[in-house]
Amino acid sequence: MRLLYGFRRNETPLGRSTRLPIRIIRNDMLWCDQSGDANYNRLVKAPFGRSHEEMKRKDGLYDICLVMDWNVTSRARNRGSAIFFHLIRPGYQPTEGCIAIHPRDMNRILPYLRKGTVVRVV
């Protein structure tokens, strides 16, 4: 999957610079995961009445969150949404389809990432 862009919390400075476009997460940023909605698998703004994920999560998983081109540039209903490359839960608990790594490792690879970098899952 190609990397498209990313998000970070303003309170979470990037340890190192990156050439990947990064946006600051605002409180009103949500990601639509309602497959029947026209905004499916897109960033939306609160208030939003359909099913969604908050980008400014309380658990910190999206403190650095990179958007991969999984069902983004060519969207299809029920193919999955919010498949991100983000930070791992304590204890390395599994994700629901995303790629997640330790913050130390995310900061280590950020300087090598840019729009179009391919992430391979093997």
C-alpha atoms as a PDB file:
ATOM      1  CA  MET A   1       0.000   0.000   0.000  1.00  0.00           C
ATOM      2  CA  ARG A   2       1.261   3.459  -0.824  1.00  0.00           C
ATOM      3  CA  LEU A   3       1.456   6.114   1.887  1.00  0.00           C
ATOM      4  CA  LEU A   4      -0.644   9.173   1.092  1.00  0.00           C
ATOM      5  CA  TYR A   5      -0.261  11.549   4.052  1.00  0.00           C
ATOM      6  CA  GLY A   6      -0.414  11.549   7.818  1.00  0.00           C
ATOM      7  CA  PHE A   7      -1.751  13.110  10.978  1.00  0.00           C
ATOM      8  CA  ARG A   8      -0.248  13.903  14.344  1.00  0.00           C
ATOM      9  CA  ARG A   9      -1.465  15.402  17.569  1.00  0.00           C
ATOM     10  CA  ASN A  10      -0.154  18.882  18.213  1.00  0.00           C
ATOM     11  CA  GLU A  11       0.935  17.738  21.695  1.00  0.00           C
ATOM     12  CA  THR A  12       2.991  14.928  20.132  1.00  0.00           C
ATOM     13  CA  PRO A  13       5.917  16.486  18.311  1.00  0.00           C
ATOM     14  CA  LEU A  14       7.534  14.397  15.630  1.00  0.00           C
ATOM     15  CA  GLY A  15      10.842  13.123  16.941  1.00  0.00           C
ATOM     16  CA  ARG A  16      12.336  13.553  13.468  1.00  0.00           C
ATOM     17  CA  SER A  17      11.275  15.302  10.296  1.00  0.00           C
ATOM     18  CA  THR A  18       9.570  13.572   7.404  1.00  0.00           C
ATOM     19  CA  ARG A  19       8.825  14.396   3.760  1.00  0.00           C
ATOM     20  CA  LEU A  20       5.363  12.866   4.137  1.00  0.00           C
ATOM     21  CA  PRO A  21       2.650  15.559   4.313  1.00  0.00           C
ATOM     22  CA  ILE A  22       1.507  15.675   7.972  1.00  0.00           C
ATOM     23  CA  ARG A  23      -1.568  17.498   9.311  1.00  0.00           C
ATOM     24  CA  ILE A  24      -2.232  18.455  12.920  1.00  0.00           C
ATOM     25  CA  ILE A  25      -5.261  16.590  14.328  1.00  0.00           C
ATOM     26  CA  ARG A  26      -8.057  18.897  15.446  1.00  0.00           C
ATOM     27  CA  ASN A  27     -10.823  17.984  17.875  1.00  0.00           C
ATOM     28  CA  ASP A  28     -13.415  18.017  15.077  1.00  0.00           C
ATOM     29  CA  MET A  29     -11.606  15.517  12.824  1.00  0.00           C
ATOM     30  CA  LEU A  30     -13.383  12.205  12.320  1.00  0.00           C
ATOM     31  CA  TRP A  31     -12.996   9.346   9.814  1.00  0.00           C
ATOM     32  CA  CYS A  32     -16.223   8.006   8.273  1.00  0.00           C
ATOM     33  CA  ASP A  33     -16.533   4.214   8.408  1.00  0.00           C
ATOM     34  CA  GLN A  34     -20.207   4.016   7.349  1.00  0.00           C
ATOM     35  CA  SER A  35     -20.005   2.051   4.092  1.00  0.00           C
ATOM     36  CA  GLY A  36     -23.268   3.417   2.661  1.00  0.00           C
ATOM     37  CA  ASP A  37     -22.301   7.049   3.203  1.00  0.00           C
ATOM     38  CA  ALA A  38     -20.849   9.195   0.411  1.00  0.00           C
ATOM     39  CA  ASN A  39     -17.982  10.064   2.784  1.00  0.00           C
ATOM     40  CA  TYR A  40     -17.054   6.420   3.398  1.00  0.00           C
ATOM     41  CA  ASN A  41     -13.343   6.039   4.198  1.00  0.00           C
ATOM     42  CA  ARG A  42     -12.804   9.797   4.186  1.00  0.00           C
ATOM     43  CA  LEU A  43     -11.949  12.463   6.716  1.00  0.00           C
ATOM     44  CA  VAL A  44     -15.088  14.266   7.926  1.00  0.00           C
ATOM     45  CA  LYS A  45     -15.787  17.049  10.364  1.00  0.00           C
ATOM     46  CA  ALA A  46     -17.778  16.849  13.606  1.00  0.00           C
ATOM     47  CA  PRO A  47     -20.609  16.857  14.183  1.00  0.00           C
ATOM     48  CA  PHE A  48     -21.169  13.833  11.970  1.00  0.00           C
ATOM     49  CA  GLY A  49     -24.184  11.607  12.587  1.00  0.00           C
ATOM     50  CA  ARG A  50     -23.005   8.439  10.867  1.00  0.00           C
ATOM     51  CA  SER A  51     -20.537   5.818  12.086  1.00  0.00           C
ATOM     52  CA  HIS A  52     -17.012   7.195  12.432  1.00  0.00           C
ATOM     53  CA  GLU A  53     -13.704   7.055  14.284  1.00  0.00           C
ATOM     54  CA  GLU A  54     -12.307   9.982  16.229  1.00  0.00           C
ATOM     55  CA  MET A  55      -8.889  10.990  14.960  1.00  0.00           C
ATOM     56  CA  LYS A  56      -7.942  12.579  18.295  1.00  0.00           C
ATOM     57  CA  ARG A  57      -8.201   9.325  20.239  1.00  0.00           C
ATOM     58  CA  LYS A  58      -7.889   9.218  23.996  1.00  0.00           C
ATOM     59  CA  ASP A  59      -5.699   6.083  23.838  1.00  0.00           C
ATOM     60  CA  GLY A  60      -2.989   7.815  21.761  1.00  0.00           C
ATOM     61  CA  LEU A  61      -2.921   5.259  18.928  1.00  0.00           C
ATOM     62  CA  TYR A  62      -3.317   8.002  16.332  1.00  0.00           C
ATOM     63  CA  ASP A  63      -0.850  10.436  17.930  1.00  0.00           C
ATOM     64  CA  ILE A  64       1.075   9.690  14.738  1.00  0.00           C
ATOM     65  CA  CYS A  65      -1.212   8.173  12.115  1.00  0.00           C
ATOM     66  CA  LEU A  66      -0.295   7.595   8.475  1.00  0.00           C
ATOM     67  CA  VAL A  67      -2.963   7.092   5.820  1.00  0.00           C
ATOM     68  CA  MET A  68      -2.258   4.187   3.488  1.00  0.00           C
ATOM     69  CA  ASP A  69      -3.974   3.832   0.127  1.00  0.00           C
ATOM     70  CA  TRP A  70      -6.263   1.038   1.199  1.00  0.00           C
ATOM     71  CA  ASN A  71      -9.624   1.727  -0.417  1.00  0.00           C
ATOM     72  CA  VAL A  72      -8.910   5.474  -0.496  1.00  0.00           C
ATOM     73  CA  THR A  73      -8.146   6.574  -4.074  1.00  0.00           C
ATOM     74  CA  SER A  74     -10.453   3.887  -5.502  1.00  0.00           C
ATOM     75  CA  ARG A  75     -13.156   3.385  -2.890  1.00  0.00           C
ATOM     76  CA  ALA A  76     -15.572   0.480  -2.826  1.00  0.00           C
ATOM     77  CA  ARG A  77     -18.217  -0.168  -0.211  1.00  0.00           C
ATOM     78  CA  ASN A  78     -17.440  -2.757   2.445  1.00  0.00           C
ATOM     79  CA  ARG A  79     -13.766  -3.046   1.414  1.00  0.00           C
ATOM     80  CA  GLY A  80     -12.553  -1.553   4.678  1.00  0.00           C
ATOM     81  CA  SER A  81     -11.949   1.870   6.067  1.00  0.00           C
ATOM     82  CA  ALA A  82      -9.537   3.587   8.422  1.00  0.00           C
ATOM     83  CA  ILE A  83      -6.726   1.156   7.579  1.00  0.00           C
ATOM     84  CA  PHE A  84      -3.881   3.214   8.973  1.00  0.00           C
ATOM     85  CA  PHE A  85      -0.229   2.875   9.954  1.00  0.00           C
ATOM     86  CA  HIS A  86      -0.237   4.049  13.563  1.00  0.00           C
ATOM     87  CA  LEU A  87       1.149   3.499  17.057  1.00  0.00           C
ATOM     88  CA  ILE A  88       0.810   0.146  18.836  1.00  0.00           C
ATOM     89  CA  ARG A  89      -1.249  -0.547  21.951  1.00  0.00           C
ATOM     90  CA  PRO A  90       0.631  -1.431  25.127  1.00  0.00           C
ATOM     91  CA  GLY A  91       1.480  -5.119  25.118  1.00  0.00           C
ATOM     92  CA  TYR A  92       1.483  -5.146  21.282  1.00  0.00           C
ATOM     93  CA  GLN A  93      -2.194  -6.072  21.079  1.00  0.00           C
ATOM     94  CA  PRO A  94      -3.470  -6.762  17.545  1.00  0.00           C
ATOM     95  CA  THR A  95      -5.228  -4.154  15.404  1.00  0.00           C
ATOM     96  CA  GLU A  96      -8.393  -4.466  13.329  1.00  0.00           C
ATOM     97  CA  GLY A  97      -6.515  -4.448  10.013  1.00  0.00           C
ATOM     98  CA  CYS A  98      -4.047  -1.608  10.549  1.00  0.00           C
ATOM     99  CA  ILE A  99      -0.274  -1.704  10.850  1.00  0.00           C
ATOM    100  CA  ALA A 100       0.938  -0.562  14.266  1.00  0.00           C
ATOM    101  CA  ILE A 101       4.437  -0.049  15.646  1.00  0.00           C
ATOM    102  CA  HIS A 102       6.123   1.310  18.771  1.00  0.00           C
ATOM    103  CA  PRO A 103       6.521   5.137  18.878  1.00  0.00           C
ATOM    104  CA  ARG A 104      10.323   4.726  18.975  1.00  0.00           C
ATOM    105  CA  ASP A 105      10.186   2.762  15.706  1.00  0.00           C
ATOM    106  CA  MET A 106       7.764   5.235  14.097  1.00  0.00           C
ATOM    107  CA  ASN A 107      10.182   8.080  14.857  1.00  0.00           C
ATOM    108  CA  ARG A 108      13.035   6.003  13.479  1.00  0.00           C
ATOM    109  CA  ILE A 109      11.399   5.475  10.057  1.00  0.00           C
ATOM    110  CA  LEU A 110       9.676   8.866   9.597  1.00  0.00           C
ATOM    111  CA  PRO A 111      12.679  10.524   7.891  1.00  0.00           C
ATOM    112  CA  TYR A 112      12.567   7.846   5.165  1.00  0.00           C
ATOM    113  CA  LEU A 113       8.876   8.238   4.348  1.00  0.00           C
ATOM    114  CA  ARG A 114       7.289  10.384   1.653  1.00  0.00           C
ATOM    115  CA  LYS A 115       4.073  10.386  -0.324  1.00  0.00           C
ATOM    116  CA  GLY A 116       4.066   7.211  -2.421  1.00  0.00           C
ATOM    117  CA  THR A 117       6.341   5.157  -0.163  1.00  0.00           C
ATOM    118  CA  VAL A 118       5.126   1.566  -0.432  1.00  0.00           C
ATOM    119  CA  VAL A 119       4.388  -0.355   2.764  1.00  0.00           C
ATOM    120  CA  ARG A 120       4.446  -4.121   2.235  1.00  0.00           C
ATOM    121  CA  VAL A 121       2.849  -6.576   4.631  1.00  0.00           C
ATOM    122  CA  VAL A 122       4.425  -9.993   4.338  1.00  0.00           C
END
